[in-house]
Every structure is written in structure tokens, then in C-alpha cells.
Amino acid sequence: MSSGQSNQQPTKILLPVSTFIDKNRLFKALQVLATLKDPLIVLFRVLEVPQRTNPLDPDLWRDDIRKAEDFLSHSAGWLKTEGYRVETKVVTARDTADGIITEANSGGYTVVLMMKRRIRSGWAKIFHRSTSEEVIRYANPLVLTFLAEQPLGERKPK
């Protein structure tokens, strides 16, 4: 008797990336998802286009898109050496959260795996809604978050 898995779509994991990837914690998070058979990981970057500019035409942002693609391809290479199937995608949007939500809801993803850079406390928790909180609230696929720390050598001075 067939298990019915042949009719299922492949597992797709959306992994939005900002300015860095915490490789150790990402690897641990992917191990948690090891039960997903042969997942396709999509490294995803949203280039925020200023609100006051009219066009979202990607041709106007060609250099920024190329830089983002170069950054993602480096990380994709690392994941490929670890045995994962990886694609990269860069889009332009007015807001990072909106770009991630749109992709998550229209791309056939099973899971959105988000790196959270900091946990807010006090007044910031009340008045500021983070990107990951918006994605959790409005994305249709399951959203998993993990705290990521930028490596010491790559941190910007405060």
C-alpha cells in the first residue's frame, strides 16, 4: 500500500536573512526539523525600498540586489556542503515583514524559520512590534523562531 507521500509537495522552508547568519544555532534548528524529508531551504532577503520612492521596480535597485544575492550565495554554499538543498531569493518591498509574509503565504512553504536578533523588554515590548512578531501573526505556514547572535568579529560597535 502506498503511503501517499508521493502526492505531497516537497517540504519548503523559508529562511529570511537580514545581515548575518548564526550558523551554530541555524544548524541546531535545522536538526530539529530533521524529520522533514529532503527539505528545500529558501534563503530569502527583503530589500526595503523607501516609502517615498514610487517604483518597486527591481531594476532600480540592481546593485543592492546583487550584493544581497552575493551574501546569500555564500551562506547557501555552506548549507549545500552540509547536505541541504538550497535556493536563494531576493525581493524588494516597502516593509520587511510584508515581504516575508507575502512570500510565506504565496510560495507553498511548510515552515518559516526566523532568526530573532533580540528579545525586547520593558516599554519596547509595548510600543514596538518586531518583524518576527508580525510574521507569526499574519503568515499562514508554521513560523518557528530562534534567538541568533552575531559572531563577535562581525558585531558593529555600539
N, C-alpha and C. Protein backbone atom coordinates (compact mmCIF):
# COMPACT_ATOMS: atom_id res chain seq x y z
N MET A 1 0.85 -1.17 0.00
CA MET A 1 0.00 0.00 0.00
C MET A 1 0.89 1.23 0.00
N SER A 2 0.59 2.21 -0.80
CA SER A 2 1.43 3.40 -0.86
C SER A 2 1.10 4.31 0.32
N SER A 3 2.11 5.04 0.74
CA SER A 3 1.94 5.90 1.93
C SER A 3 1.29 7.23 1.60
N GLY A 4 1.12 7.53 0.32
CA GLY A 4 0.50 8.79 -0.06
C GLY A 4 1.48 9.93 -0.10
N GLN A 5 2.74 9.66 0.23
CA GLN A 5 3.74 10.74 0.26
C GLN A 5 4.12 11.18 -1.14
N SER A 6 3.94 10.32 -2.13
CA SER A 6 4.32 10.69 -3.49
C SER A 6 3.46 11.82 -4.03
N ASN A 7 2.24 11.97 -3.48
CA ASN A 7 1.35 13.03 -3.93
C ASN A 7 1.60 14.35 -3.22
N GLN A 8 2.36 14.31 -2.12
CA GLN A 8 2.60 15.52 -1.36
C GLN A 8 3.67 16.37 -2.03
N GLN A 9 3.54 17.67 -1.86
CA GLN A 9 4.54 18.57 -2.39
C GLN A 9 5.79 18.49 -1.52
N PRO A 10 6.95 18.81 -2.10
CA PRO A 10 8.17 18.77 -1.28
C PRO A 10 8.11 19.81 -0.17
N THR A 11 8.78 19.50 0.92
CA THR A 11 8.81 20.40 2.06
C THR A 11 9.69 21.61 1.72
N LYS A 12 9.14 22.79 1.89
CA LYS A 12 9.89 24.02 1.65
C LYS A 12 10.00 24.80 2.95
N ILE A 13 11.22 25.21 3.27
CA ILE A 13 11.47 26.01 4.46
C ILE A 13 11.92 27.38 4.02
N LEU A 14 11.19 28.41 4.43
CA LEU A 14 11.58 29.79 4.13
C LEU A 14 12.45 30.28 5.28
N LEU A 15 13.63 30.78 4.94
CA LEU A 15 14.57 31.26 5.94
C LEU A 15 14.95 32.70 5.60
N PRO A 16 14.19 33.67 6.15
CA PRO A 16 14.54 35.07 5.92
C PRO A 16 15.87 35.40 6.59
N VAL A 17 16.71 36.16 5.88
CA VAL A 17 18.03 36.52 6.38
C VAL A 17 18.16 38.03 6.35
N SER A 18 18.69 38.59 7.42
CA SER A 18 18.90 40.03 7.48
C SER A 18 20.35 40.36 7.17
N THR A 19 21.17 40.49 8.19
CA THR A 19 22.55 40.92 7.96
C THR A 19 23.58 39.85 8.30
N PHE A 20 23.16 38.78 8.98
CA PHE A 20 24.10 37.72 9.33
C PHE A 20 23.34 36.43 9.55
N ILE A 21 24.09 35.32 9.59
CA ILE A 21 23.50 34.02 9.91
C ILE A 21 24.30 33.43 11.05
N ASP A 22 23.61 33.06 12.12
CA ASP A 22 24.23 32.38 13.25
C ASP A 22 24.26 30.89 12.87
N LYS A 23 25.39 30.45 12.32
CA LYS A 23 25.48 29.10 11.76
C LYS A 23 25.24 28.02 12.79
N ASN A 24 25.77 28.18 14.00
CA ASN A 24 25.60 27.15 15.03
C ASN A 24 24.14 26.95 15.39
N ARG A 25 23.45 28.05 15.63
CA ARG A 25 22.04 27.93 16.03
C ARG A 25 21.15 27.54 14.86
N LEU A 26 21.50 27.99 13.66
CA LEU A 26 20.73 27.58 12.49
C LEU A 26 20.86 26.08 12.29
N PHE A 27 22.06 25.57 12.43
CA PHE A 27 22.29 24.13 12.26
C PHE A 27 21.47 23.34 13.28
N LYS A 28 21.41 23.83 14.52
CA LYS A 28 20.61 23.15 15.55
C LYS A 28 19.13 23.20 15.21
N ALA A 29 18.67 24.36 14.71
CA ALA A 29 17.26 24.49 14.34
C ALA A 29 16.91 23.55 13.19
N LEU A 30 17.82 23.41 12.23
CA LEU A 30 17.56 22.51 11.11
C LEU A 30 17.58 21.05 11.56
N GLN A 31 18.36 20.74 12.58
CA GLN A 31 18.36 19.37 13.12
C GLN A 31 17.02 19.05 13.76
N VAL A 32 16.39 20.04 14.38
CA VAL A 32 15.06 19.85 14.96
C VAL A 32 14.06 19.51 13.86
N LEU A 33 14.27 20.09 12.68
CA LEU A 33 13.37 19.85 11.56
C LEU A 33 13.81 18.65 10.71
N ALA A 34 14.69 17.81 11.25
CA ALA A 34 15.26 16.69 10.50
C ALA A 34 14.20 15.66 10.08
N THR A 35 13.06 15.66 10.73
CA THR A 35 12.02 14.70 10.35
C THR A 35 11.39 15.05 9.01
N LEU A 36 11.56 16.29 8.57
CA LEU A 36 11.06 16.68 7.25
C LEU A 36 11.96 16.06 6.20
N LYS A 37 11.39 15.33 5.29
CA LYS A 37 12.17 14.60 4.30
C LYS A 37 12.67 15.51 3.19
N ASP A 38 13.97 15.52 3.01
CA ASP A 38 14.64 16.24 1.92
C ASP A 38 14.08 17.65 1.72
N PRO A 39 14.16 18.49 2.73
CA PRO A 39 13.57 19.83 2.60
C PRO A 39 14.35 20.72 1.63
N LEU A 40 13.64 21.63 1.02
CA LEU A 40 14.26 22.67 0.21
C LEU A 40 14.28 23.93 1.07
N ILE A 41 15.47 24.44 1.34
CA ILE A 41 15.61 25.66 2.14
C ILE A 41 15.76 26.84 1.19
N VAL A 42 14.90 27.83 1.37
CA VAL A 42 14.97 29.04 0.54
C VAL A 42 15.51 30.17 1.42
N LEU A 43 16.76 30.56 1.16
CA LEU A 43 17.32 31.72 1.84
C LEU A 43 16.72 32.94 1.19
N PHE A 44 16.13 33.80 1.99
CA PHE A 44 15.29 34.88 1.48
C PHE A 44 15.72 36.20 2.07
N ARG A 45 15.83 37.20 1.22
CA ARG A 45 16.23 38.54 1.68
C ARG A 45 15.27 39.56 1.09
N VAL A 46 14.77 40.45 1.95
CA VAL A 46 13.90 41.54 1.52
C VAL A 46 14.72 42.82 1.53
N LEU A 47 14.77 43.49 0.39
CA LEU A 47 15.38 44.82 0.34
C LEU A 47 14.27 45.83 0.52
N GLU A 48 14.35 46.55 1.62
CA GLU A 48 13.33 47.57 1.88
C GLU A 48 13.55 48.77 0.98
N VAL A 49 12.50 49.12 0.27
CA VAL A 49 12.53 50.29 -0.60
C VAL A 49 11.88 51.43 0.17
N PRO A 50 12.52 52.59 0.22
CA PRO A 50 11.96 53.71 1.00
C PRO A 50 10.51 54.00 0.61
N GLN A 51 9.74 54.37 1.62
CA GLN A 51 8.32 54.66 1.41
C GLN A 51 8.06 55.78 0.41
N ARG A 52 8.94 56.72 0.34
CA ARG A 52 8.69 57.89 -0.50
C ARG A 52 9.03 57.67 -1.96
N THR A 53 9.72 56.60 -2.27
CA THR A 53 10.01 56.34 -3.67
C THR A 53 8.81 55.64 -4.28
N ASN A 54 8.51 55.99 -5.51
CA ASN A 54 7.35 55.41 -6.17
C ASN A 54 7.54 53.98 -6.61
N PRO A 55 8.52 53.71 -7.47
CA PRO A 55 8.55 52.37 -8.06
C PRO A 55 9.18 51.33 -7.15
N LEU A 56 8.65 50.13 -7.24
CA LEU A 56 9.26 48.98 -6.60
C LEU A 56 10.05 48.19 -7.65
N ASP A 57 10.25 48.78 -8.81
CA ASP A 57 10.94 48.14 -9.92
C ASP A 57 12.32 47.66 -9.49
N PRO A 58 12.56 46.36 -9.52
CA PRO A 58 13.85 45.83 -9.08
C PRO A 58 15.05 46.35 -9.89
N ASP A 59 14.83 46.77 -11.13
CA ASP A 59 15.95 47.28 -11.93
C ASP A 59 16.60 48.50 -11.30
N LEU A 60 15.82 49.30 -10.59
CA LEU A 60 16.36 50.49 -9.95
C LEU A 60 17.28 50.13 -8.77
N TRP A 61 17.11 48.95 -8.25
CA TRP A 61 17.86 48.51 -7.06
C TRP A 61 18.83 47.38 -7.41
N ARG A 62 19.24 47.32 -8.69
CA ARG A 62 20.05 46.23 -9.21
C ARG A 62 21.32 45.98 -8.38
N ASP A 63 22.06 47.04 -8.03
CA ASP A 63 23.31 46.87 -7.27
C ASP A 63 23.05 46.31 -5.88
N ASP A 64 22.01 46.81 -5.22
CA ASP A 64 21.67 46.30 -3.89
C ASP A 64 21.22 44.84 -3.95
N ILE A 65 20.48 44.51 -4.99
CA ILE A 65 20.02 43.13 -5.16
C ILE A 65 21.21 42.21 -5.40
N ARG A 66 22.16 42.65 -6.21
CA ARG A 66 23.35 41.84 -6.49
C ARG A 66 24.15 41.59 -5.21
N LYS A 67 24.32 42.63 -4.38
CA LYS A 67 25.03 42.47 -3.11
C LYS A 67 24.32 41.47 -2.20
N ALA A 68 22.99 41.57 -2.14
CA ALA A 68 22.22 40.65 -1.31
C ALA A 68 22.33 39.22 -1.84
N GLU A 69 22.29 39.06 -3.16
CA GLU A 69 22.43 37.73 -3.75
C GLU A 69 23.80 37.14 -3.47
N ASP A 70 24.85 37.97 -3.53
CA ASP A 70 26.20 37.50 -3.22
C ASP A 70 26.29 37.04 -1.77
N PHE A 71 25.70 37.81 -0.86
CA PHE A 71 25.68 37.44 0.56
C PHE A 71 24.96 36.11 0.77
N LEU A 72 23.80 35.96 0.15
CA LEU A 72 23.03 34.73 0.31
C LEU A 72 23.73 33.53 -0.33
N SER A 73 24.41 33.74 -1.45
CA SER A 73 25.07 32.62 -2.12
C SER A 73 26.20 32.05 -1.26
N HIS A 74 26.86 32.90 -0.48
CA HIS A 74 27.91 32.42 0.43
C HIS A 74 27.30 31.48 1.48
N SER A 75 26.18 31.89 2.06
CA SER A 75 25.50 31.07 3.06
C SER A 75 24.89 29.82 2.43
N ALA A 76 24.40 29.95 1.21
CA ALA A 76 23.83 28.80 0.51
C ALA A 76 24.91 27.75 0.26
N GLY A 77 26.10 28.20 -0.07
CA GLY A 77 27.21 27.27 -0.27
C GLY A 77 27.51 26.47 0.98
N TRP A 78 27.49 27.14 2.13
CA TRP A 78 27.73 26.45 3.40
C TRP A 78 26.66 25.40 3.64
N LEU A 79 25.38 25.76 3.44
CA LEU A 79 24.29 24.80 3.66
C LEU A 79 24.37 23.62 2.69
N LYS A 80 24.79 23.88 1.46
CA LYS A 80 24.92 22.80 0.48
C LYS A 80 26.00 21.82 0.90
N THR A 81 27.10 22.32 1.46
CA THR A 81 28.16 21.42 1.93
C THR A 81 27.68 20.58 3.12
N GLU A 82 26.66 21.06 3.83
CA GLU A 82 26.07 20.30 4.93
C GLU A 82 25.02 19.30 4.44
N GLY A 83 24.78 19.28 3.13
CA GLY A 83 23.87 18.29 2.55
C GLY A 83 22.45 18.74 2.30
N TYR A 84 22.18 20.04 2.42
CA TYR A 84 20.82 20.55 2.20
C TYR A 84 20.64 21.03 0.77
N ARG A 85 19.39 20.94 0.30
CA ARG A 85 19.03 21.57 -0.98
C ARG A 85 18.69 23.01 -0.67
N VAL A 86 19.29 23.94 -1.42
CA VAL A 86 19.14 25.36 -1.09
C VAL A 86 18.89 26.17 -2.35
N GLU A 87 17.99 27.14 -2.23
CA GLU A 87 17.78 28.17 -3.25
C GLU A 87 17.89 29.52 -2.56
N THR A 88 18.13 30.57 -3.34
CA THR A 88 18.15 31.92 -2.78
C THR A 88 17.14 32.78 -3.53
N LYS A 89 16.61 33.76 -2.83
CA LYS A 89 15.65 34.67 -3.44
C LYS A 89 15.75 36.03 -2.78
N VAL A 90 15.81 37.08 -3.60
CA VAL A 90 15.85 38.46 -3.11
C VAL A 90 14.69 39.20 -3.75
N VAL A 91 13.94 39.94 -2.92
CA VAL A 91 12.81 40.73 -3.41
C VAL A 91 12.89 42.14 -2.86
N THR A 92 12.16 43.04 -3.48
CA THR A 92 12.02 44.40 -2.95
C THR A 92 10.61 44.54 -2.37
N ALA A 93 10.51 45.28 -1.28
CA ALA A 93 9.22 45.52 -0.64
C ALA A 93 9.30 46.81 0.17
N ARG A 94 8.18 47.38 0.48
CA ARG A 94 8.13 48.60 1.29
C ARG A 94 8.48 48.31 2.75
N ASP A 95 8.18 47.09 3.18
CA ASP A 95 8.39 46.71 4.58
C ASP A 95 8.89 45.27 4.62
N THR A 96 9.89 45.00 5.44
CA THR A 96 10.47 43.66 5.52
C THR A 96 9.43 42.61 5.91
N ALA A 97 8.65 42.89 6.94
CA ALA A 97 7.65 41.92 7.40
C ALA A 97 6.64 41.63 6.29
N ASP A 98 6.18 42.66 5.59
CA ASP A 98 5.22 42.45 4.49
C ASP A 98 5.82 41.58 3.40
N GLY A 99 7.10 41.80 3.08
CA GLY A 99 7.76 40.99 2.06
C GLY A 99 7.84 39.53 2.46
N ILE A 100 8.18 39.28 3.72
CA ILE A 100 8.28 37.90 4.22
C ILE A 100 6.90 37.25 4.24
N ILE A 101 5.91 37.97 4.71
CA ILE A 101 4.55 37.42 4.80
C ILE A 101 4.00 37.09 3.42
N THR A 102 4.21 37.98 2.47
CA THR A 102 3.75 37.74 1.10
C THR A 102 4.39 36.49 0.53
N GLU A 103 5.70 36.36 0.70
CA GLU A 103 6.40 35.18 0.19
C GLU A 103 5.93 33.91 0.91
N ALA A 104 5.81 33.98 2.23
CA ALA A 104 5.40 32.80 3.00
C ALA A 104 4.01 32.32 2.59
N ASN A 105 3.11 33.26 2.33
CA ASN A 105 1.73 32.90 2.01
C ASN A 105 1.54 32.49 0.56
N SER A 106 2.45 32.85 -0.32
CA SER A 106 2.26 32.54 -1.74
C SER A 106 3.27 31.53 -2.29
N GLY A 107 4.25 31.14 -1.49
CA GLY A 107 5.32 30.29 -2.02
C GLY A 107 5.20 28.81 -1.74
N GLY A 108 4.12 28.36 -1.11
CA GLY A 108 3.96 26.94 -0.84
C GLY A 108 4.90 26.41 0.24
N TYR A 109 5.19 27.23 1.22
CA TYR A 109 6.13 26.84 2.29
C TYR A 109 5.42 26.04 3.38
N THR A 110 6.16 25.12 3.98
CA THR A 110 5.67 24.34 5.10
C THR A 110 6.00 25.05 6.41
N VAL A 111 7.20 25.63 6.47
CA VAL A 111 7.70 26.27 7.69
C VAL A 111 8.44 27.55 7.32
N VAL A 112 8.30 28.56 8.17
CA VAL A 112 9.12 29.76 8.11
C VAL A 112 10.01 29.72 9.33
N LEU A 113 11.31 29.71 9.12
CA LEU A 113 12.28 29.62 10.20
C LEU A 113 12.96 30.97 10.33
N MET A 114 12.68 31.68 11.44
CA MET A 114 13.16 33.05 11.58
C MET A 114 14.19 33.17 12.69
N MET A 115 15.23 33.93 12.38
CA MET A 115 16.24 34.26 13.38
C MET A 115 15.85 35.56 14.06
N LYS A 116 15.68 35.51 15.35
CA LYS A 116 15.31 36.70 16.12
C LYS A 116 16.59 37.25 16.73
N ARG A 117 16.86 38.53 16.49
CA ARG A 117 18.11 39.11 16.94
C ARG A 117 18.10 39.54 18.39
N ARG A 118 16.97 39.93 18.91
CA ARG A 118 16.93 40.35 20.32
C ARG A 118 15.52 40.16 20.87
N ILE A 119 15.49 39.95 22.15
CA ILE A 119 14.21 39.85 22.84
C ILE A 119 13.95 41.19 23.50
N ARG A 120 12.85 41.80 23.16
CA ARG A 120 12.53 43.11 23.70
C ARG A 120 11.93 42.99 25.10
N SER A 121 12.22 44.02 25.88
CA SER A 121 11.65 44.03 27.23
C SER A 121 11.20 45.45 27.56
N GLY A 122 10.47 45.57 28.66
CA GLY A 122 10.03 46.89 29.12
C GLY A 122 9.11 47.58 28.13
N TRP A 123 9.34 48.89 27.97
CA TRP A 123 8.49 49.72 27.09
C TRP A 123 8.62 49.33 25.63
N ALA A 124 9.79 48.87 25.23
CA ALA A 124 9.97 48.47 23.83
C ALA A 124 9.02 47.34 23.45
N LYS A 125 8.74 46.47 24.40
CA LYS A 125 7.83 45.36 24.15
C LYS A 125 6.41 45.88 23.88
N ILE A 126 6.05 46.97 24.53
CA ILE A 126 4.70 47.52 24.39
C ILE A 126 4.55 48.33 23.11
N PHE A 127 5.54 49.15 22.78
CA PHE A 127 5.40 50.11 21.67
C PHE A 127 5.99 49.66 20.35
N HIS A 128 6.75 48.60 20.34
CA HIS A 128 7.41 48.18 19.10
C HIS A 128 7.01 46.76 18.76
N ARG A 129 6.56 46.55 17.56
CA ARG A 129 6.24 45.20 17.09
C ARG A 129 7.36 44.75 16.17
N SER A 130 7.98 43.65 16.49
CA SER A 130 9.12 43.18 15.71
C SER A 130 8.65 42.52 14.42
N THR A 131 9.60 42.36 13.52
CA THR A 131 9.32 41.69 12.25
C THR A 131 8.84 40.27 12.49
N SER A 132 9.52 39.55 13.38
CA SER A 132 9.13 38.16 13.63
C SER A 132 7.72 38.08 14.23
N GLU A 133 7.36 39.03 15.09
CA GLU A 133 6.01 39.02 15.66
C GLU A 133 4.96 39.24 14.59
N GLU A 134 5.22 40.12 13.64
CA GLU A 134 4.26 40.34 12.55
C GLU A 134 4.14 39.12 11.67
N VAL A 135 5.27 38.47 11.37
CA VAL A 135 5.24 37.27 10.54
C VAL A 135 4.47 36.16 11.24
N ILE A 136 4.71 35.99 12.54
CA ILE A 136 3.97 34.97 13.30
C ILE A 136 2.47 35.24 13.23
N ARG A 137 2.09 36.50 13.34
CA ARG A 137 0.68 36.88 13.37
C ARG A 137 -0.02 36.68 12.02
N TYR A 138 0.66 36.97 10.90
CA TYR A 138 -0.03 37.03 9.61
C TYR A 138 0.37 35.97 8.58
N ALA A 139 1.43 35.21 8.83
CA ALA A 139 1.83 34.18 7.85
C ALA A 139 1.00 32.92 8.06
N ASN A 140 0.64 32.28 6.97
CA ASN A 140 -0.15 31.05 7.04
C ASN A 140 0.67 29.83 7.47
N PRO A 141 1.91 29.65 6.97
CA PRO A 141 2.68 28.48 7.42
C PRO A 141 3.10 28.60 8.88
N LEU A 142 3.52 27.48 9.45
CA LEU A 142 4.05 27.46 10.79
C LEU A 142 5.31 28.33 10.83
N VAL A 143 5.43 29.18 11.85
CA VAL A 143 6.60 30.05 12.00
C VAL A 143 7.34 29.64 13.27
N LEU A 144 8.61 29.28 13.10
CA LEU A 144 9.46 28.95 14.24
C LEU A 144 10.55 30.01 14.34
N THR A 145 10.80 30.48 15.54
CA THR A 145 11.85 31.49 15.73
C THR A 145 12.91 30.94 16.66
N PHE A 146 14.13 31.43 16.48
CA PHE A 146 15.20 31.11 17.41
C PHE A 146 16.08 32.35 17.55
N LEU A 147 16.63 32.51 18.73
CA LEU A 147 17.48 33.66 19.01
C LEU A 147 18.83 33.46 18.34
N ALA A 148 19.25 34.43 17.57
CA ALA A 148 20.53 34.35 16.86
C ALA A 148 21.45 35.44 17.38
N GLU A 149 22.71 35.09 17.51
CA GLU A 149 23.70 36.06 17.95
C GLU A 149 24.73 36.24 16.85
N GLN A 150 25.05 37.49 16.57
CA GLN A 150 26.04 37.79 15.57
C GLN A 150 27.43 37.44 16.12
N PRO A 151 28.27 36.78 15.32
CA PRO A 151 29.62 36.45 15.79
C PRO A 151 30.37 37.70 16.23
N LEU A 152 31.21 37.56 17.26
CA LEU A 152 31.93 38.71 17.84
C LEU A 152 32.68 39.52 16.81
N GLY A 153 33.34 38.88 15.89
CA GLY A 153 34.13 39.59 14.88
C GLY A 153 33.30 40.40 13.91
N GLU A 154 32.00 40.09 13.80
CA GLU A 154 31.14 40.78 12.85
C GLU A 154 30.24 41.82 13.51
N ARG A 155 30.28 41.95 14.81
CA ARG A 155 29.39 42.90 15.50
C ARG A 155 29.84 44.32 15.26
N LYS A 156 28.83 45.18 15.10
CA LYS A 156 29.11 46.62 14.96
C LYS A 156 29.25 47.24 16.34
N PRO A 157 30.20 48.15 16.51
CA PRO A 157 30.33 48.80 17.82
C PRO A 157 29.11 49.65 18.12
N LYS A 158 28.75 49.72 19.41
CA LYS A 158 27.55 50.48 19.83
C LYS A 158 27.87 51.94 19.97
